[in-house]
N, C-alpha and C. Protein backbone atom coordinates (compact mmCIF):
# COMPACT_ATOMS: atom_id res chain seq x y z
N UNK A 1 -5.79 1.35 -3.63
CA UNK A 1 -5.57 2.08 -4.83
C UNK A 1 -5.56 3.56 -4.47
N UNK A 2 -4.59 4.33 -5.08
CA UNK A 2 -4.59 5.75 -4.80
C UNK A 2 -5.73 6.52 -5.60
N UNK A 3 -6.17 7.55 -5.05
CA UNK A 3 -7.25 8.34 -5.71
C UNK A 3 -6.81 9.86 -5.61
N UNK A 4 -6.64 10.52 -6.70
CA UNK A 4 -6.29 11.93 -6.72
C UNK A 4 -7.61 12.70 -7.06
N UNK A 5 -7.98 13.62 -6.16
CA UNK A 5 -9.15 14.40 -6.42
C UNK A 5 -8.72 15.76 -7.09
N UNK A 6 -9.06 15.91 -8.34
CA UNK A 6 -8.55 17.06 -9.14
C UNK A 6 -9.07 18.42 -8.52
N UNK A 7 -10.30 18.48 -8.17
CA UNK A 7 -10.85 19.86 -7.81
C UNK A 7 -10.36 20.27 -6.41
N UNK A 8 -10.18 19.36 -5.50
CA UNK A 8 -9.70 19.73 -4.18
C UNK A 8 -8.17 19.50 -3.98
N UNK A 9 -7.60 18.88 -4.95
CA UNK A 9 -6.16 18.56 -4.96
C UNK A 9 -5.72 17.81 -3.65
N UNK A 10 -6.50 16.70 -3.39
CA UNK A 10 -6.29 15.90 -2.20
C UNK A 10 -5.98 14.42 -2.69
N UNK A 11 -5.12 13.74 -1.97
CA UNK A 11 -4.76 12.38 -2.32
C UNK A 11 -5.42 11.49 -1.27
N UNK A 12 -6.11 10.43 -1.74
CA UNK A 12 -6.74 9.41 -0.89
C UNK A 12 -6.16 8.06 -1.17
N UNK A 13 -6.31 7.18 -0.27
CA UNK A 13 -5.95 5.77 -0.45
C UNK A 13 -7.13 4.94 -0.11
N UNK A 14 -7.37 3.83 -0.90
CA UNK A 14 -8.40 2.89 -0.61
C UNK A 14 -8.03 2.05 0.53
N UNK A 15 -8.95 1.80 1.48
CA UNK A 15 -8.67 1.02 2.71
C UNK A 15 -9.27 -0.33 2.70
N UNK A 16 -10.10 -0.64 1.72
CA UNK A 16 -10.80 -1.90 1.73
C UNK A 16 -12.20 -1.66 2.24
N UNK A 17 -12.41 -0.68 3.11
CA UNK A 17 -13.70 -0.35 3.63
C UNK A 17 -14.13 1.06 3.33
N UNK A 18 -13.35 1.74 2.51
CA UNK A 18 -13.65 3.09 2.11
C UNK A 18 -12.35 3.79 1.62
N UNK A 19 -12.32 5.10 1.83
CA UNK A 19 -11.09 5.83 1.42
C UNK A 19 -10.61 6.62 2.59
N UNK A 20 -9.29 6.94 2.62
CA UNK A 20 -8.72 7.72 3.68
C UNK A 20 -7.82 8.74 3.13
N UNK A 21 -8.02 10.00 3.57
CA UNK A 21 -7.16 11.08 3.11
C UNK A 21 -5.70 10.89 3.66
N UNK A 22 -4.72 10.87 2.76
CA UNK A 22 -3.35 10.71 3.24
C UNK A 22 -2.49 11.98 3.02
N UNK A 23 -2.95 12.91 2.16
CA UNK A 23 -2.18 14.11 2.04
C UNK A 23 -3.17 15.15 1.43
N UNK A 24 -3.04 16.36 2.01
CA UNK A 24 -3.84 17.48 1.42
C UNK A 24 -2.87 18.51 0.85
N UNK A 25 -3.04 18.74 -0.45
CA UNK A 25 -2.14 19.71 -1.11
C UNK A 25 -2.32 21.05 -0.54
N UNK A 26 -1.19 21.68 -0.12
CA UNK A 26 -1.19 23.04 0.40
C UNK A 26 -2.01 23.23 1.62
N UNK A 27 -2.16 22.23 2.44
CA UNK A 27 -3.00 22.23 3.62
C UNK A 27 -2.31 23.00 4.76
N UNK A 28 -3.15 23.66 5.59
CA UNK A 28 -2.59 24.30 6.80
C UNK A 28 -2.32 23.29 7.86
N UNK A 29 -3.15 22.27 8.01
CA UNK A 29 -2.93 21.26 9.05
C UNK A 29 -3.28 19.84 8.48
N UNK A 30 -2.61 18.88 9.11
CA UNK A 30 -2.89 17.44 8.83
C UNK A 30 -3.01 16.86 10.19
N UNK A 31 -4.19 16.28 10.52
CA UNK A 31 -4.44 15.70 11.79
C UNK A 31 -4.10 16.63 12.99
N UNK A 32 -4.35 17.90 12.78
CA UNK A 32 -4.11 18.93 13.82
C UNK A 32 -2.67 19.47 13.98
N UNK A 33 -1.77 19.00 13.07
CA UNK A 33 -0.42 19.44 13.01
C UNK A 33 -0.23 20.40 11.83
N UNK A 34 0.57 21.43 11.98
CA UNK A 34 0.87 22.24 10.86
C UNK A 34 1.80 21.45 9.89
N UNK A 35 1.59 21.54 8.63
CA UNK A 35 2.31 20.78 7.67
C UNK A 35 3.84 20.95 7.77
N UNK A 36 4.33 22.15 8.12
CA UNK A 36 5.72 22.38 8.22
C UNK A 36 6.38 21.60 9.39
N UNK A 37 5.58 21.27 10.37
CA UNK A 37 6.16 20.51 11.52
C UNK A 37 6.57 19.11 11.11
N UNK A 38 5.92 18.54 10.10
CA UNK A 38 6.33 17.19 9.59
C UNK A 38 7.73 17.28 8.94
N UNK A 39 7.98 18.35 8.30
CA UNK A 39 9.31 18.47 7.66
C UNK A 39 10.43 18.73 8.68
N UNK A 40 10.08 19.39 9.76
CA UNK A 40 11.12 19.74 10.80
C UNK A 40 11.36 18.61 11.79
N UNK A 41 10.37 17.71 11.97
CA UNK A 41 10.48 16.72 12.97
C UNK A 41 11.25 15.45 12.38
N UNK A 42 12.25 15.03 13.12
CA UNK A 42 12.97 13.84 12.68
C UNK A 42 12.08 12.59 12.77
N UNK A 43 12.16 11.77 11.77
CA UNK A 43 11.43 10.52 11.80
C UNK A 43 9.94 10.59 11.96
N UNK A 44 9.30 11.67 11.53
CA UNK A 44 7.82 11.82 11.59
C UNK A 44 7.19 10.82 10.64
N UNK A 45 7.61 10.84 9.36
CA UNK A 45 7.05 9.89 8.41
C UNK A 45 8.24 9.05 7.86
N UNK A 46 7.97 7.84 7.55
CA UNK A 46 8.93 6.92 6.92
C UNK A 46 8.11 6.22 5.77
N UNK A 47 8.71 6.28 4.58
CA UNK A 47 8.06 5.65 3.47
C UNK A 47 8.99 4.44 3.06
N UNK A 48 8.36 3.25 3.00
CA UNK A 48 9.17 2.08 2.58
C UNK A 48 8.47 1.49 1.41
N UNK A 49 9.23 0.80 0.59
CA UNK A 49 8.73 0.13 -0.66
C UNK A 49 9.53 -1.04 -0.95
N UNK A 50 8.97 -1.92 -1.83
CA UNK A 50 9.77 -3.06 -2.22
C UNK A 50 8.98 -3.89 -3.20
N UNK A 51 9.57 -5.04 -3.52
CA UNK A 51 8.95 -6.05 -4.42
C UNK A 51 9.10 -7.39 -3.79
N UNK A 52 8.03 -8.12 -3.67
CA UNK A 52 7.97 -9.46 -3.06
C UNK A 52 7.56 -10.47 -4.18
N UNK A 53 8.11 -11.68 -4.07
CA UNK A 53 7.74 -12.76 -4.99
C UNK A 53 7.07 -13.84 -4.20
N UNK A 54 5.97 -14.36 -4.70
CA UNK A 54 5.27 -15.46 -4.04
C UNK A 54 3.79 -15.07 -3.98
N UNK A 55 2.94 -16.10 -3.99
CA UNK A 55 1.50 -15.84 -3.91
C UNK A 55 1.14 -15.08 -2.66
N UNK A 56 1.58 -15.41 -1.48
CA UNK A 56 1.36 -14.70 -0.28
C UNK A 56 2.71 -14.32 0.33
N UNK A 57 2.89 -13.00 0.53
CA UNK A 57 4.19 -12.50 1.01
C UNK A 57 3.89 -11.53 2.17
N UNK A 58 4.89 -11.03 2.92
CA UNK A 58 4.67 -10.24 4.04
C UNK A 58 5.59 -9.02 4.05
N UNK A 59 5.06 -7.90 4.60
CA UNK A 59 5.74 -6.65 4.85
C UNK A 59 5.72 -6.41 6.33
N UNK A 60 6.92 -6.13 6.88
CA UNK A 60 6.99 -5.84 8.30
C UNK A 60 7.29 -4.38 8.55
N UNK A 61 6.86 -3.81 9.67
CA UNK A 61 7.14 -2.43 9.94
C UNK A 61 8.65 -2.18 10.04
N UNK A 62 9.12 -0.96 9.63
CA UNK A 62 10.53 -0.67 9.73
C UNK A 62 10.93 -0.60 11.17
N UNK A 63 12.27 -0.63 11.47
CA UNK A 63 12.78 -0.65 12.79
C UNK A 63 12.25 0.60 13.57
N UNK A 64 11.77 0.33 14.78
CA UNK A 64 11.22 1.35 15.63
C UNK A 64 9.79 1.67 15.37
N UNK A 65 9.11 1.04 14.43
CA UNK A 65 7.72 1.27 14.20
C UNK A 65 6.93 -0.01 14.39
N UNK A 66 5.60 0.10 14.56
CA UNK A 66 4.74 -1.08 14.77
C UNK A 66 3.59 -0.89 13.82
N UNK A 67 2.70 -1.84 13.82
CA UNK A 67 1.58 -1.83 12.91
C UNK A 67 0.64 -0.68 13.33
N UNK A 68 0.73 -0.14 14.50
CA UNK A 68 -0.11 1.03 14.86
C UNK A 68 0.37 2.25 14.21
N UNK A 69 1.57 2.25 13.58
CA UNK A 69 2.13 3.44 12.90
C UNK A 69 1.78 3.44 11.47
N UNK A 70 1.08 2.48 10.83
CA UNK A 70 0.88 2.45 9.44
C UNK A 70 -0.15 3.52 9.10
N UNK A 71 0.06 4.33 8.08
CA UNK A 71 -0.83 5.34 7.61
C UNK A 71 -1.44 4.97 6.27
N UNK A 72 -0.70 4.39 5.40
CA UNK A 72 -1.17 4.04 4.06
C UNK A 72 -0.41 2.92 3.54
N UNK A 73 -1.04 2.04 2.70
CA UNK A 73 -0.39 0.93 2.09
C UNK A 73 -0.94 0.68 0.70
N UNK A 74 -0.09 0.53 -0.28
CA UNK A 74 -0.54 0.25 -1.63
C UNK A 74 0.23 -0.94 -2.24
N UNK A 75 -0.46 -2.06 -2.47
CA UNK A 75 0.16 -3.15 -3.22
C UNK A 75 -0.22 -3.03 -4.70
N UNK A 76 0.61 -3.57 -5.56
CA UNK A 76 0.27 -3.63 -7.01
C UNK A 76 0.94 -4.81 -7.62
N UNK A 77 0.37 -5.35 -8.68
CA UNK A 77 0.96 -6.43 -9.37
C UNK A 77 2.20 -6.03 -10.13
N UNK A 78 3.29 -6.79 -9.94
CA UNK A 78 4.56 -6.53 -10.65
C UNK A 78 4.68 -7.53 -11.80
N UNK A 79 4.52 -8.77 -11.56
CA UNK A 79 4.74 -9.77 -12.65
C UNK A 79 3.64 -10.97 -12.41
N UNK A 80 3.00 -11.33 -13.54
CA UNK A 80 2.14 -12.50 -13.49
C UNK A 80 2.59 -13.38 -14.67
N UNK A 81 2.80 -14.60 -14.39
CA UNK A 81 3.20 -15.55 -15.40
C UNK A 81 2.03 -16.48 -15.75
N UNK A 82 1.56 -16.36 -17.00
CA UNK A 82 0.41 -17.06 -17.43
C UNK A 82 0.75 -18.47 -17.97
N UNK A 83 -0.21 -19.40 -17.90
CA UNK A 83 -0.01 -20.69 -18.40
C UNK A 83 -1.37 -21.20 -18.92
N UNK A 84 -1.33 -21.97 -19.99
CA UNK A 84 -2.66 -22.51 -20.49
C UNK A 84 -3.43 -21.49 -21.23
N UNK A 85 -4.69 -21.76 -21.39
CA UNK A 85 -5.58 -20.85 -22.13
C UNK A 85 -6.19 -19.83 -21.15
N UNK A 86 -5.82 -18.59 -21.42
CA UNK A 86 -6.40 -17.50 -20.64
C UNK A 86 -7.66 -17.13 -21.29
N UNK A 87 -8.75 -17.33 -20.67
CA UNK A 87 -10.07 -17.05 -21.31
C UNK A 87 -11.04 -16.45 -20.27
N UNK A 88 -12.30 -16.54 -20.47
CA UNK A 88 -13.30 -15.84 -19.66
C UNK A 88 -13.50 -16.44 -18.25
N UNK A 89 -12.90 -17.63 -18.01
CA UNK A 89 -13.09 -18.23 -16.67
C UNK A 89 -11.90 -18.00 -15.70
N UNK A 90 -10.98 -17.07 -16.10
CA UNK A 90 -9.80 -16.83 -15.32
C UNK A 90 -10.00 -15.58 -14.41
N UNK A 91 -9.17 -15.54 -13.39
CA UNK A 91 -9.21 -14.32 -12.51
C UNK A 91 -7.78 -13.98 -12.05
N UNK A 92 -7.60 -12.74 -11.70
CA UNK A 92 -6.30 -12.28 -11.31
C UNK A 92 -6.62 -11.25 -10.12
N UNK A 93 -5.87 -11.31 -9.04
CA UNK A 93 -6.11 -10.38 -7.97
C UNK A 93 -4.87 -10.07 -7.15
N UNK A 94 -4.87 -8.90 -6.52
CA UNK A 94 -3.82 -8.57 -5.61
C UNK A 94 -4.44 -7.73 -4.49
N UNK A 95 -4.31 -8.25 -3.25
CA UNK A 95 -4.95 -7.52 -2.12
C UNK A 95 -4.04 -7.68 -0.89
N UNK A 96 -4.39 -6.95 0.16
CA UNK A 96 -3.54 -7.04 1.36
C UNK A 96 -4.44 -7.10 2.58
N UNK A 97 -3.83 -7.43 3.72
CA UNK A 97 -4.54 -7.43 5.00
C UNK A 97 -3.59 -7.11 6.05
N UNK A 98 -4.08 -6.37 7.10
CA UNK A 98 -3.32 -6.04 8.25
C UNK A 98 -3.34 -7.15 9.27
N UNK A 99 -2.21 -7.63 9.74
CA UNK A 99 -2.14 -8.65 10.81
C UNK A 99 -1.54 -7.94 12.03
N UNK A 100 -1.36 -8.68 13.12
CA UNK A 100 -0.87 -8.09 14.38
C UNK A 100 0.50 -7.51 14.22
N UNK A 101 1.41 -8.18 13.43
CA UNK A 101 2.80 -7.69 13.41
C UNK A 101 3.28 -7.44 11.99
N UNK A 102 2.42 -7.58 10.95
CA UNK A 102 2.85 -7.49 9.61
C UNK A 102 1.66 -7.25 8.64
N UNK A 103 1.94 -6.99 7.36
CA UNK A 103 0.94 -6.87 6.38
C UNK A 103 1.10 -7.99 5.45
N UNK A 104 0.04 -8.73 5.15
CA UNK A 104 0.09 -9.85 4.21
C UNK A 104 -0.37 -9.36 2.83
N UNK A 105 0.38 -9.76 1.77
CA UNK A 105 -0.03 -9.40 0.45
C UNK A 105 -0.29 -10.72 -0.31
N UNK A 106 -1.46 -10.77 -0.97
CA UNK A 106 -1.80 -11.96 -1.79
C UNK A 106 -1.89 -11.45 -3.20
N UNK A 107 -1.10 -12.09 -4.09
CA UNK A 107 -1.11 -11.79 -5.51
C UNK A 107 -1.19 -13.13 -6.26
N UNK A 108 -2.21 -13.26 -7.13
CA UNK A 108 -2.54 -14.55 -7.71
C UNK A 108 -3.29 -14.39 -9.00
N UNK A 109 -3.13 -15.39 -9.86
CA UNK A 109 -3.99 -15.56 -11.02
C UNK A 109 -4.27 -17.02 -11.27
N UNK A 110 -5.38 -17.34 -11.82
CA UNK A 110 -5.81 -18.75 -11.94
C UNK A 110 -5.07 -19.51 -13.03
N UNK A 111 -4.20 -18.83 -13.82
CA UNK A 111 -3.52 -19.53 -14.92
C UNK A 111 -1.99 -19.37 -14.68
N UNK A 112 -1.54 -19.30 -13.45
CA UNK A 112 -0.06 -19.06 -13.26
C UNK A 112 0.77 -20.29 -13.42
N UNK A 113 1.93 -20.08 -14.01
CA UNK A 113 2.93 -21.15 -14.18
C UNK A 113 4.16 -20.89 -13.31
N UNK A 114 4.25 -19.75 -12.66
CA UNK A 114 5.36 -19.45 -11.80
C UNK A 114 4.85 -18.48 -10.74
N UNK A 115 5.66 -18.36 -9.67
CA UNK A 115 5.30 -17.39 -8.63
C UNK A 115 5.07 -15.92 -9.15
N UNK A 116 4.02 -15.34 -8.72
CA UNK A 116 3.80 -13.93 -9.16
C UNK A 116 4.70 -13.01 -8.25
N UNK A 117 4.80 -11.78 -8.66
CA UNK A 117 5.51 -10.79 -7.87
C UNK A 117 4.64 -9.55 -7.71
N UNK A 118 4.79 -8.88 -6.60
CA UNK A 118 4.05 -7.62 -6.38
C UNK A 118 4.98 -6.51 -5.90
N UNK A 119 4.61 -5.28 -6.19
CA UNK A 119 5.30 -4.10 -5.65
C UNK A 119 4.43 -3.62 -4.50
N UNK A 120 5.05 -2.92 -3.62
CA UNK A 120 4.30 -2.26 -2.47
C UNK A 120 4.93 -1.00 -2.02
N UNK A 121 4.12 -0.15 -1.48
CA UNK A 121 4.60 1.11 -0.85
C UNK A 121 3.81 1.31 0.43
N UNK A 122 4.55 1.64 1.50
CA UNK A 122 3.94 1.87 2.82
C UNK A 122 4.37 3.15 3.40
N UNK A 123 3.47 3.80 4.07
CA UNK A 123 3.72 5.06 4.74
C UNK A 123 3.49 4.88 6.23
N UNK A 124 4.49 5.20 7.04
CA UNK A 124 4.46 4.96 8.50
C UNK A 124 4.59 6.33 9.18
N UNK A 125 3.92 6.57 10.27
CA UNK A 125 4.01 7.82 11.00
C UNK A 125 4.01 7.56 12.47
N UNK A 126 4.94 8.27 13.19
CA UNK A 126 4.98 8.17 14.69
C UNK A 126 4.26 9.34 15.27
């Protein structure tokens, strides 16, 4: 999940084990590089996004990138199809995990009548 810090104007991303700074508003440096160098360097950052259908789906690095280049990843629920009585014993979730060559996304609810769909956004850096 993204987290915007109003007072410091910094953007963070939840990693599953904490939060990671992914952009600092008006910062002089990011990871030791001046912010303007990212704009001038070809292929420094690549942002990919999409929508996948299925309880478990996969996202692969773009051409020329590997899993070591992932900086941030955000999955979100796109569509959930309910069936039966949705009550207090139901659950719904969307989470991801890094694998050796891809990212797996699991999107599920306990009352589903059709495959769910998820959106995702990934930031890659060389």
